[in-house]
Protein backbone atom coordinates (compact mmCIF):
# COMPACT_ATOMS: atom_id res chain seq x y z
CA UNK A 1 264.21 110.38 122.56
CA UNK A 2 264.58 114.23 124.20
CA UNK A 3 265.06 114.75 127.35
CA UNK A 4 262.47 116.22 129.51
CA UNK A 5 263.06 117.87 133.24
CA UNK A 6 260.21 117.32 135.52
CA UNK A 7 259.49 120.21 138.06
CA UNK A 8 260.21 119.29 141.35
CA UNK A 9 256.76 119.56 143.04
CA UNK A 10 255.79 117.41 140.15
CA UNK A 11 257.38 114.71 141.53
CA UNK A 12 256.51 115.08 144.46
CA UNK A 13 253.10 115.16 143.88
CA UNK A 14 253.34 111.55 142.49
CA UNK A 15 255.43 110.26 144.87
CA UNK A 16 253.00 111.08 147.33
CA UNK A 17 249.79 110.42 145.50
CA UNK A 18 248.58 106.78 144.61
CA UNK A 19 245.41 107.28 142.47
CA UNK A 20 244.57 108.83 139.10
CA UNK A 21 241.08 109.30 137.18
CA UNK A 22 241.77 107.66 133.44
CA UNK A 23 240.02 109.29 131.50
CA UNK A 24 239.42 107.44 127.48
CA UNK A 25 236.80 107.68 124.85
CA UNK A 26 235.80 105.71 121.99
CA UNK A 27 233.24 105.22 119.42
CA UNK A 28 230.69 104.67 122.97
CA UNK A 29 231.64 107.57 124.24
CA UNK A 30 233.29 108.81 127.03
CA UNK A 31 234.47 106.58 130.16
CA UNK A 32 236.34 107.75 133.15
CA UNK A 33 237.28 105.20 136.20
CA UNK A 34 239.33 105.64 139.29
CA UNK A 35 243.37 103.65 139.19
CA UNK A 36 246.13 103.22 141.34
CA UNK A 37 249.32 104.17 140.43
CA UNK A 38 252.64 104.22 141.57
CA UNK A 39 255.35 107.04 139.41
CA UNK A 40 258.90 105.62 138.50
CA UNK A 41 261.50 108.65 139.18
CA UNK A 42 264.45 106.10 137.23
CA UNK A 43 261.65 106.09 134.11
CA UNK A 44 259.82 109.37 135.16
CA UNK A 45 256.89 107.18 133.71
CA UNK A 46 253.96 106.06 135.69
CA UNK A 47 252.57 102.80 136.24
CA UNK A 48 248.83 101.50 136.61
CA UNK A 49 246.97 98.72 139.08
CA UNK A 50 244.46 97.96 136.53
CA UNK A 51 242.59 94.32 135.12
CA UNK A 52 243.38 94.46 131.41
CA UNK A 53 239.19 92.98 130.90
CA UNK A 54 237.75 96.06 132.72
CA UNK A 55 236.14 98.91 130.85
CA UNK A 56 238.88 101.73 131.15
CA UNK A 57 241.58 99.74 129.97
CA UNK A 58 239.82 97.99 126.76
CA UNK A 59 238.98 101.13 125.63
CA UNK A 60 243.09 102.65 126.20
CA UNK A 61 244.11 99.88 124.47
CA UNK A 62 241.79 99.91 121.78
CA UNK A 63 243.98 100.94 118.42
CA UNK A 64 241.69 103.33 116.36
């Protein structure tokens, strides 16, 4: 896997923020929803808090 460096300002922004807008699209068109998140510095990943039955999560997980 390719290791990428993240700019310190981006890391600081992600650590200071708690919500994001998740935008997805599908056959029915685009859809946006606000989600809470935390940033994991070790993995450089974002962990979302959302209901798996919500419209935006169902659309995001759709395998098309």
